[in-house]
PDB file of N, CA and C in Angstrom:
ATOM      1  N   MET A   1     -38.887  10.868  16.199  1.00  0.00           N
ATOM      2  CA  MET A   1     -37.966  11.488  17.129  1.00  0.00           C
ATOM      3  C   MET A   1     -38.290  10.984  18.540  1.00  0.00           C
ATOM      4  N   LEU A   2     -37.252  10.604  19.248  1.00  0.00           N
ATOM      5  CA  LEU A   2     -37.459  10.123  20.612  1.00  0.00           C
ATOM      6  C   LEU A   2     -37.863  11.261  21.536  1.00  0.00           C
ATOM      7  N   LYS A   3     -38.792  10.960  22.415  1.00  0.00           N
ATOM      8  CA  LYS A   3     -39.154  11.929  23.437  1.00  0.00           C
ATOM      9  C   LYS A   3     -37.988  12.075  24.406  1.00  0.00           C
ATOM     10  N   SER A   4     -37.980  13.134  25.150  1.00  0.00           N
ATOM     11  CA  SER A   4     -36.880  13.461  26.051  1.00  0.00           C
ATOM     12  C   SER A   4     -36.551  12.315  27.001  1.00  0.00           C
ATOM     13  N   LYS A   5     -37.570  11.731  27.627  1.00  0.00           N
ATOM     14  CA  LYS A   5     -37.330  10.646  28.577  1.00  0.00           C
ATOM     15  C   LYS A   5     -36.734   9.424  27.879  1.00  0.00           C
ATOM     16  N   GLN A   6     -37.228   9.123  26.680  1.00  0.00           N
ATOM     17  CA  GLN A   6     -36.689   7.997  25.920  1.00  0.00           C
ATOM     18  C   GLN A   6     -35.235   8.257  25.527  1.00  0.00           C
ATOM     19  N   GLN A   7     -34.929   9.482  25.118  1.00  0.00           N
ATOM     20  CA  GLN A   7     -33.558   9.828  24.745  1.00  0.00           C
ATOM     21  C   GLN A   7     -32.631   9.717  25.953  1.00  0.00           C
ATOM     22  N   GLU A   8     -33.088  10.156  27.107  1.00  0.00           N
ATOM     23  CA  GLU A   8     -32.295  10.041  28.329  1.00  0.00           C
ATOM     24  C   GLU A   8     -32.047   8.577  28.674  1.00  0.00           C
ATOM     25  N   THR A   9     -33.084   7.753  28.537  1.00  0.00           N
ATOM     26  CA  THR A   9     -32.947   6.317  28.825  1.00  0.00           C
ATOM     27  C   THR A   9     -31.955   5.674  27.870  1.00  0.00           C
ATOM     28  N   PHE A  10     -32.075   6.003  26.578  1.00  0.00           N
ATOM     29  CA  PHE A  10     -31.129   5.469  25.606  1.00  0.00           C
ATOM     30  C   PHE A  10     -29.717   5.936  25.927  1.00  0.00           C
ATOM     31  N   GLY A  11     -29.567   7.226  26.246  1.00  0.00           N
ATOM     32  CA  GLY A  11     -28.250   7.762  26.571  1.00  0.00           C
ATOM     33  C   GLY A  11     -27.618   7.060  27.762  1.00  0.00           C
ATOM     34  N   ALA A  12     -28.421   6.788  28.775  1.00  0.00           N
ATOM     35  CA  ALA A  12     -27.903   6.073  29.953  1.00  0.00           C
ATOM     36  C   ALA A  12     -27.489   4.659  29.591  1.00  0.00           C
ATOM     37  N   PHE A  13     -28.317   4.000  28.766  1.00  0.00           N
ATOM     38  CA  PHE A  13     -27.979   2.642  28.309  1.00  0.00           C
ATOM     39  C   PHE A  13     -26.680   2.663  27.510  1.00  0.00           C
ATOM     40  N   TYR A  14     -26.585   3.568  26.539  1.00  0.00           N
ATOM     41  CA  TYR A  14     -25.389   3.666  25.709  1.00  0.00           C
ATOM     42  C   TYR A  14     -24.153   3.897  26.575  1.00  0.00           C
ATOM     43  N   ASP A  15     -24.245   4.851  27.483  1.00  0.00           N
ATOM     44  CA  ASP A  15     -23.099   5.156  28.347  1.00  0.00           C
ATOM     45  C   ASP A  15     -22.686   3.950  29.186  1.00  0.00           C
ATOM     46  N   SER A  16     -23.670   3.180  29.661  1.00  0.00           N
ATOM     47  CA  SER A  16     -23.341   2.010  30.481  1.00  0.00           C
ATOM     48  C   SER A  16     -22.664   0.922  29.654  1.00  0.00           C
ATOM     49  N   VAL A  17     -22.991   0.859  28.383  1.00  0.00           N
ATOM     50  CA  VAL A  17     -22.353  -0.121  27.501  1.00  0.00           C
ATOM     51  C   VAL A  17     -20.971   0.365  27.076  1.00  0.00           C
ATOM     52  N   ARG A  18     -20.887   1.619  26.700  1.00  0.00           N
ATOM     53  CA  ARG A  18     -19.623   2.170  26.192  1.00  0.00           C
ATOM     54  C   ARG A  18     -18.568   2.247  27.286  1.00  0.00           C
ATOM     55  N   HIS A  19     -18.974   2.555  28.490  1.00  0.00           N
ATOM     56  CA  HIS A  19     -18.047   2.691  29.620  1.00  0.00           C
ATOM     57  C   HIS A  19     -18.427   1.642  30.667  1.00  0.00           C
ATOM     58  N   ASN A  20     -18.165   0.383  30.326  1.00  0.00           N
ATOM     59  CA  ASN A  20     -18.722  -0.741  31.084  1.00  0.00           C
ATOM     60  C   ASN A  20     -17.884  -1.217  32.263  1.00  0.00           C
ATOM     61  N   ASN A  21     -16.670  -0.750  32.391  1.00  0.00           N
ATOM     62  CA  ASN A  21     -15.789  -1.164  33.502  1.00  0.00           C
ATOM     63  C   ASN A  21     -15.526  -2.668  33.532  1.00  0.00           C
ATOM     64  N   ILE A  22     -15.766  -3.341  32.439  1.00  0.00           N
ATOM     65  CA  ILE A  22     -15.481  -4.774  32.331  1.00  0.00           C
ATOM     66  C   ILE A  22     -14.375  -4.984  31.297  1.00  0.00           C
ATOM     67  N   LEU A  23     -14.606  -4.476  30.103  1.00  0.00           N
ATOM     68  CA  LEU A  23     -13.595  -4.554  29.050  1.00  0.00           C
ATOM     69  C   LEU A  23     -12.733  -3.296  29.090  1.00  0.00           C
ATOM     70  N   GLU A  24     -11.530  -3.417  28.595  1.00  0.00           N
ATOM     71  CA  GLU A  24     -10.663  -2.252  28.487  1.00  0.00           C
ATOM     72  C   GLU A  24     -11.317  -1.243  27.543  1.00  0.00           C
ATOM     73  N   PRO A  25     -11.176   0.045  27.803  1.00  0.00           N
ATOM     74  CA  PRO A  25     -11.799   1.055  26.939  1.00  0.00           C
ATOM     75  C   PRO A  25     -11.435   0.907  25.462  1.00  0.00           C
ATOM     76  N   LYS A  26     -10.188   0.576  25.178  1.00  0.00           N
ATOM     77  CA  LYS A  26      -9.769   0.404  23.782  1.00  0.00           C
ATOM     78  C   LYS A  26     -10.532  -0.747  23.132  1.00  0.00           C
ATOM     79  N   THR A  27     -10.668  -1.855  23.848  1.00  0.00           N
ATOM     80  CA  THR A  27     -11.400  -3.006  23.323  1.00  0.00           C
ATOM     81  C   THR A  27     -12.856  -2.647  23.081  1.00  0.00           C
ATOM     82  N   THR A  28     -13.452  -1.942  24.025  1.00  0.00           N
ATOM     83  CA  THR A  28     -14.847  -1.533  23.880  1.00  0.00           C
ATOM     84  C   THR A  28     -15.023  -0.630  22.665  1.00  0.00           C
ATOM     85  N   LEU A  29     -14.111   0.305  22.470  1.00  0.00           N
ATOM     86  CA  LEU A  29     -14.183   1.196  21.316  1.00  0.00           C
ATOM     87  C   LEU A  29     -14.077   0.400  20.014  1.00  0.00           C
ATOM     88  N   LEU A  30     -13.153  -0.541  19.966  1.00  0.00           N
ATOM     89  CA  LEU A  30     -12.999  -1.354  18.760  1.00  0.00           C
ATOM     90  C   LEU A  30     -14.236  -2.222  18.507  1.00  0.00           C
ATOM     91  N   LEU A  31     -14.868  -2.699  19.567  1.00  0.00           N
ATOM     92  CA  LEU A  31     -16.114  -3.459  19.400  1.00  0.00           C
ATOM     93  C   LEU A  31     -17.231  -2.570  18.855  1.00  0.00           C
ATOM     94  N   HIS A  32     -17.313  -1.356  19.359  1.00  0.00           N
ATOM     95  CA  HIS A  32     -18.308  -0.418  18.836  1.00  0.00           C
ATOM     96  C   HIS A  32     -18.052  -0.156  17.355  1.00  0.00           C
ATOM     97  N   MET A  33     -16.799   0.028  17.000  1.00  0.00           N
ATOM     98  CA  MET A  33     -16.458   0.265  15.604  1.00  0.00           C
ATOM     99  C   MET A  33     -16.849  -0.936  14.744  1.00  0.00           C
ATOM    100  N   ALA A  34     -16.555  -2.126  15.229  1.00  0.00           N
ATOM    101  CA  ALA A  34     -16.893  -3.338  14.489  1.00  0.00           C
ATOM    102  C   ALA A  34     -18.402  -3.473  14.318  1.00  0.00           C
ATOM    103  N   ALA A  35     -19.152  -3.190  15.364  1.00  0.00           N
ATOM    104  CA  ALA A  35     -20.614  -3.273  15.272  1.00  0.00           C
ATOM    105  C   ALA A  35     -21.136  -2.257  14.262  1.00  0.00           C
ATOM    106  N   ALA A  36     -20.576  -1.055  14.269  1.00  0.00           N
ATOM    107  CA  ALA A  36     -20.993  -0.033  13.304  1.00  0.00           C
ATOM    108  C   ALA A  36     -20.724  -0.501  11.876  1.00  0.00           C
ATOM    109  N   MET A  37     -19.563  -1.110  11.673  1.00  0.00           N
ATOM    110  CA  MET A  37     -19.246  -1.651  10.349  1.00  0.00           C
ATOM    111  C   MET A  37     -20.229  -2.756   9.969  1.00  0.00           C
ATOM    112  N   ALA A  38     -20.501  -3.633  10.908  1.00  0.00           N
ATOM    113  CA  ALA A  38     -21.353  -4.787  10.623  1.00  0.00           C
ATOM    114  C   ALA A  38     -22.774  -4.386  10.244  1.00  0.00           C
ATOM    115  N   VAL A  39     -23.301  -3.344  10.886  1.00  0.00           N
ATOM    116  CA  VAL A  39     -24.671  -2.925  10.570  1.00  0.00           C
ATOM    117  C   VAL A  39     -24.706  -1.839   9.500  1.00  0.00           C
ATOM    118  N   GLY A  40     -23.543  -1.388   9.060  1.00  0.00           N
ATOM    119  CA  GLY A  40     -23.473  -0.411   7.984  1.00  0.00           C
ATOM    120  C   GLY A  40     -23.887   0.991   8.383  1.00  0.00           C
ATOM    121  N   CYS A  41     -23.614   1.371   9.630  1.00  0.00           N
ATOM    122  CA  CYS A  41     -23.977   2.708  10.102  1.00  0.00           C
ATOM    123  C   CYS A  41     -22.829   3.678   9.811  1.00  0.00           C
ATOM    124  N   THR A  42     -22.927   4.381   8.691  1.00  0.00           N
ATOM    125  CA  THR A  42     -21.867   5.288   8.281  1.00  0.00           C
ATOM    126  C   THR A  42     -21.609   6.394   9.303  1.00  0.00           C
ATOM    127  N   PRO A  43     -22.650   7.049   9.852  1.00  0.00           N
ATOM    128  CA  PRO A  43     -22.348   8.067  10.868  1.00  0.00           C
ATOM    129  C   PRO A  43     -21.639   7.473  12.088  1.00  0.00           C
ATOM    130  N   CYS A  44     -22.021   6.258  12.458  1.00  0.00           N
ATOM    131  CA  CYS A  44     -21.370   5.598  13.593  1.00  0.00           C
ATOM    132  C   CYS A  44     -19.907   5.299  13.270  1.00  0.00           C
ATOM    133  N   MET A  45     -19.654   4.774  12.062  1.00  0.00           N
ATOM    134  CA  MET A  45     -18.279   4.478  11.667  1.00  0.00           C
ATOM    135  C   MET A  45     -17.442   5.749  11.688  1.00  0.00           C
ATOM    136  N   ASP A  46     -17.996   6.839  11.193  1.00  0.00           N
ATOM    137  CA  ASP A  46     -17.291   8.121  11.186  1.00  0.00           C
ATOM    138  C   ASP A  46     -16.952   8.545  12.616  1.00  0.00           C
ATOM    139  N   TYR A  47     -17.931   8.446  13.504  1.00  0.00           N
ATOM    140  CA  TYR A  47     -17.723   8.828  14.899  1.00  0.00           C
ATOM    141  C   TYR A  47     -16.651   7.958  15.553  1.00  0.00           C
ATOM    142  N   TYR A  48     -16.788   6.633  15.417  1.00  0.00           N
ATOM    143  CA  TYR A  48     -15.840   5.741  16.089  1.00  0.00           C
ATOM    144  C   TYR A  48     -14.452   5.807  15.483  1.00  0.00           C
ATOM    145  N   LEU A  49     -14.362   6.066  14.188  1.00  0.00           N
ATOM    146  CA  LEU A  49     -13.041   6.265  13.591  1.00  0.00           C
ATOM    147  C   LEU A  49     -12.385   7.504  14.192  1.00  0.00           C
ATOM    148  N   GLY A  50     -13.150   8.560  14.357  1.00  0.00           N
ATOM    149  CA  GLY A  50     -12.613   9.764  14.996  1.00  0.00           C
ATOM    150  C   GLY A  50     -12.177   9.498  16.426  1.00  0.00           C
ATOM    151  N   GLN A  51     -12.978   8.738  17.157  1.00  0.00           N
ATOM    152  CA  GLN A  51     -12.616   8.384  18.529  1.00  0.00           C
ATOM    153  C   GLN A  51     -11.349   7.532  18.548  1.00  0.00           C
ATOM    154  N   ALA A  52     -11.249   6.605  17.603  1.00  0.00           N
ATOM    155  CA  ALA A  52     -10.067   5.741  17.526  1.00  0.00           C
ATOM    156  C   ALA A  52      -8.819   6.567  17.255  1.00  0.00           C
ATOM    157  N   ARG A  53      -8.947   7.546  16.378  1.00  0.00           N
ATOM    158  CA  ARG A  53      -7.802   8.423  16.084  1.00  0.00           C
ATOM    159  C   ARG A  53      -7.380   9.182  17.344  1.00  0.00           C
ATOM    160  N   LYS A  54      -8.361   9.688  18.109  1.00  0.00           N
ATOM    161  CA  LYS A  54      -8.048  10.411  19.346  1.00  0.00           C
ATOM    162  C   LYS A  54      -7.352   9.513  20.359  1.00  0.00           C
ATOM    163  N   GLU A  55      -7.706   8.236  20.354  1.00  0.00           N
ATOM    164  CA  GLU A  55      -7.123   7.277  21.300  1.00  0.00           C
ATOM    165  C   GLU A  55      -5.834   6.655  20.765  1.00  0.00           C
ATOM    166  N   MET A  56      -5.378   7.148  19.626  1.00  0.00           N
ATOM    167  CA  MET A  56      -4.120   6.679  19.030  1.00  0.00           C
ATOM    168  C   MET A  56      -4.177   5.195  18.651  1.00  0.00           C
ATOM    169  N   ILE A  57      -5.336   4.718  18.296  1.00  0.00           N
ATOM    170  CA  ILE A  57      -5.471   3.347  17.793  1.00  0.00           C
ATOM    171  C   ILE A  57      -4.885   3.340  16.397  1.00  0.00           C
ATOM    172  N   THR A  58      -4.042   2.354  16.114  1.00  0.00           N
ATOM    173  CA  THR A  58      -3.290   2.340  14.867  1.00  0.00           C
ATOM    174  C   THR A  58      -4.153   1.899  13.687  1.00  0.00           C
ATOM    175  N   ASP A  59      -3.679   2.257  12.502  1.00  0.00           N
ATOM    176  CA  ASP A  59      -4.344   1.796  11.276  1.00  0.00           C
ATOM    177  C   ASP A  59      -4.352   0.273  11.207  1.00  0.00           C
ATOM    178  N   GLU A  60      -3.281  -0.355  11.688  1.00  0.00           N
ATOM    179  CA  GLU A  60      -3.206  -1.811  11.674  1.00  0.00           C
ATOM    180  C   GLU A  60      -4.294  -2.427  12.560  1.00  0.00           C
ATOM    181  N   GLU A  61      -4.529  -1.828  13.714  1.00  0.00           N
ATOM    182  CA  GLU A  61      -5.583  -2.325  14.612  1.00  0.00           C
ATOM    183  C   GLU A  61      -6.959  -2.140  13.987  1.00  0.00           C
ATOM    184  N   ILE A  62      -7.180  -0.993  13.373  1.00  0.00           N
ATOM    185  CA  ILE A  62      -8.462  -0.739  12.704  1.00  0.00           C
ATOM    186  C   ILE A  62      -8.642  -1.699  11.530  1.00  0.00           C
ATOM    187  N   SER A  63      -7.576  -1.942  10.788  1.00  0.00           N
ATOM    188  CA  SER A  63      -7.641  -2.893   9.675  1.00  0.00           C
ATOM    189  C   SER A  63      -7.963  -4.305  10.155  1.00  0.00           C
ATOM    190  N   ALA A  64      -7.425  -4.684  11.309  1.00  0.00           N
ATOM    191  CA  ALA A  64      -7.723  -6.013  11.857  1.00  0.00           C
ATOM    192  C   ALA A  64      -9.206  -6.123  12.192  1.00  0.00           C
ATOM    193  N   VAL A  65      -9.772  -5.060  12.760  1.00  0.00           N
ATOM    194  CA  VAL A  65     -11.208  -5.050  13.067  1.00  0.00           C
ATOM    195  C   VAL A  65     -12.006  -5.146  11.770  1.00  0.00           C
ATOM    196  N   GLN A  66     -11.633  -4.362  10.780  1.00  0.00           N
ATOM    197  CA  GLN A  66     -12.325  -4.392   9.503  1.00  0.00           C
ATOM    198  C   GLN A  66     -12.260  -5.789   8.888  1.00  0.00           C
ATOM    199  N   GLY A  67     -11.115  -6.426   8.961  1.00  0.00           N
ATOM    200  CA  GLY A  67     -10.967  -7.779   8.424  1.00  0.00           C
ATOM    201  C   GLY A  67     -11.880  -8.776   9.112  1.00  0.00           C
ATOM    202  N   VAL A  68     -11.987  -8.674  10.434  1.00  0.00           N
ATOM    203  CA  VAL A  68     -12.873  -9.580  11.175  1.00  0.00           C
ATOM    204  C   VAL A  68     -14.321  -9.379  10.732  1.00  0.00           C
ATOM    205  N   VAL A  69     -14.743  -8.121  10.639  1.00  0.00           N
ATOM    206  CA  VAL A  69     -16.117  -7.841  10.211  1.00  0.00           C
ATOM    207  C   VAL A  69     -16.361  -8.388   8.806  1.00  0.00           C
ATOM    208  N   MET A  70     -15.413  -8.199   7.918  1.00  0.00           N
ATOM    209  CA  MET A  70     -15.557  -8.697   6.555  1.00  0.00           C
ATOM    210  C   MET A  70     -15.627 -10.224   6.525  1.00  0.00           C
ATOM    211  N   ALA A  71     -14.790 -10.882   7.319  1.00  0.00           N
ATOM    212  CA  ALA A  71     -14.789 -12.345   7.352  1.00  0.00           C
ATOM    213  C   ALA A  71     -16.105 -12.887   7.891  1.00  0.00           C
ATOM    214  N   VAL A  72     -16.599 -12.292   8.967  1.00  0.00           N
ATOM    215  CA  VAL A  72     -17.871 -12.744   9.542  1.00  0.00           C
ATOM    216  C   VAL A  72     -19.006 -12.492   8.558  1.00  0.00           C
ATOM    217  N   SER A  73     -18.986 -11.342   7.903  1.00  0.00           N
ATOM    218  CA  SER A  73     -20.023 -11.035   6.918  1.00  0.00           C
ATOM    219  C   SER A  73     -19.989 -12.014   5.755  1.00  0.00           C
ATOM    220  N   ALA A  74     -18.800 -12.337   5.299  1.00  0.00           N
ATOM    221  CA  ALA A  74     -18.679 -13.310   4.213  1.00  0.00           C
ATOM    222  C   ALA A  74     -19.165 -14.681   4.665  1.00  0.00           C
ATOM    223  N   GLY A  75     -18.862 -15.040   5.897  1.00  0.00           N
ATOM    224  CA  GLY A  75     -19.347 -16.313   6.434  1.00  0.00           C
ATOM    225  C   GLY A  75     -20.860 -16.349   6.504  1.00  0.00           C
ATOM    226  N   ARG A  76     -21.475 -15.219   6.860  1.00  0.00           N
ATOM    227  CA  ARG A  76     -22.939 -15.142   6.907  1.00  0.00           C
ATOM    228  C   ARG A  76     -23.531 -15.358   5.520  1.00  0.00           C
ATOM    229  N   VAL A  77     -22.972 -14.693   4.514  1.00  0.00           N
ATOM    230  CA  VAL A  77     -23.459 -14.844   3.145  1.00  0.00           C
ATOM    231  C   VAL A  77     -23.305 -16.292   2.699  1.00  0.00           C
ATOM    232  N   ASN A  78     -22.173 -16.884   2.998  1.00  0.00           N
ATOM    233  CA  ASN A  78     -21.915 -18.279   2.621  1.00  0.00           C
ATOM    234  C   ASN A  78     -22.930 -19.211   3.286  1.00  0.00           C
ATOM    235  N   ALA A  79     -23.167 -19.026   4.575  1.00  0.00           N
ATOM    236  CA  ALA A  79     -24.113 -19.878   5.298  1.00  0.00           C
ATOM    237  C   ALA A  79     -25.536 -19.678   4.781  1.00  0.00           C
ATOM    238  N   GLN A  80     -25.911 -18.441   4.485  1.00  0.00           N
ATOM    239  CA  GLN A  80     -27.249 -18.180   3.961  1.00  0.00           C
ATOM    240  C   GLN A  80     -27.447 -18.859   2.611  1.00  0.00           C
ATOM    241  N   PHE A  81     -26.446 -18.760   1.754  1.00  0.00           N
ATOM    242  CA  PHE A  81     -26.590 -19.375   0.435  1.00  0.00           C
ATOM    243  C   PHE A  81     -26.621 -20.892   0.527  1.00  0.00           C
ATOM    244  N   ARG A  82     -25.808 -21.462   1.416  1.00  0.00           N
ATOM    245  CA  ARG A  82     -25.856 -22.917   1.607  1.00  0.00           C
ATOM    246  C   ARG A  82     -27.248 -23.355   2.055  1.00  0.00           C
ATOM    247  N   GLU A  83     -27.889 -22.567   2.907  1.00  0.00           N
ATOM    248  CA  GLU A  83     -29.241 -22.880   3.372  1.00  0.00           C
ATOM    249  C   GLU A  83     -30.233 -22.813   2.215  1.00  0.00           C
ATOM    250  N   VAL A  84     -30.087 -21.834   1.343  1.00  0.00           N
ATOM    251  CA  VAL A  84     -30.962 -21.730   0.164  1.00  0.00           C
ATOM    252  C   VAL A  84     -30.745 -22.943  -0.743  1.00  0.00           C
ATOM    253  N   GLU A  85     -29.498 -23.315  -0.937  1.00  0.00           N
ATOM    254  CA  GLU A  85     -29.204 -24.498  -1.761  1.00  0.00           C
ATOM    255  C   GLU A  85     -29.811 -25.761  -1.150  1.00  0.00           C
ATOM    256  N   ARG A  86     -29.699 -25.908   0.172  1.00  0.00           N
ATOM    257  CA  ARG A  86     -30.254 -27.079   0.852  1.00  0.00           C
ATOM    258  C   ARG A  86     -31.762 -27.150   0.667  1.00  0.00           C
ATOM    259  N   LYS A  87     -32.440 -26.041   0.835  1.00  0.00           N
ATOM    260  CA  LYS A  87     -33.890 -26.005   0.673  1.00  0.00           C
ATOM    261  C   LYS A  87     -34.282 -26.309  -0.771  1.00  0.00           C
ATOM    262  N   ALA A  88     -33.498 -25.820  -1.723  1.00  0.00           N
ATOM    263  CA  ALA A  88     -33.794 -26.089  -3.133  1.00  0.00           C
ATOM    264  C   ALA A  88     -33.657 -27.583  -3.447  1.00  0.00           C
ATOM    265  N   ARG A  89     -32.623 -28.215  -2.882  1.00  0.00           N
ATOM    266  CA  ARG A  89     -32.446 -29.665  -3.085  1.00  0.00           C
ATOM    267  C   ARG A  89     -33.595 -30.455  -2.480  1.00  0.00           C
ATOM    268  N   GLU A  90     -34.023 -30.053  -1.307  1.00  0.00           N
ATOM    269  CA  GLU A  90     -35.098 -30.767  -0.607  1.00  0.00           C
ATOM    270  C   GLU A  90     -36.450 -30.611  -1.297  1.00  0.00           C
ATOM    271  N   SER A  91     -36.642 -29.511  -2.018  1.00  0.00           N
ATOM    272  CA  SER A  91     -37.938 -29.278  -2.663  1.00  0.00           C
ATOM    273  C   SER A  91     -38.075 -29.986  -3.989  1.00  0.00           C
ATOM    274  N   LYS A  92     -37.009 -30.619  -4.453  1.00  0.00           N
ATOM    275  CA  LYS A  92     -37.069 -31.349  -5.737  1.00  0.00           C
ATOM    276  C   LYS A  92     -37.755 -32.670  -5.584  1.00  0.00           C
TER     277      LYS A  92
END
């Protein structure tokens, strides 16, 4: 469990990222949702999906984010396996 000062520091960091005044709030929310999907954080996905619903983000927009995460994840698996294959060929 984080100590109070550590939790406050994390909270300040999170708030500065979530409300960054650089990206549009909708874009930032969708990025948070995508990151939650990518790392498999179910509580985070639940939270950001709820936030997306409150912000009237459409199912189509959420599906597009999900598709991007799935494509990148599949690309990672493909690249990792190609690397394993390359190492196996080189060790022969």
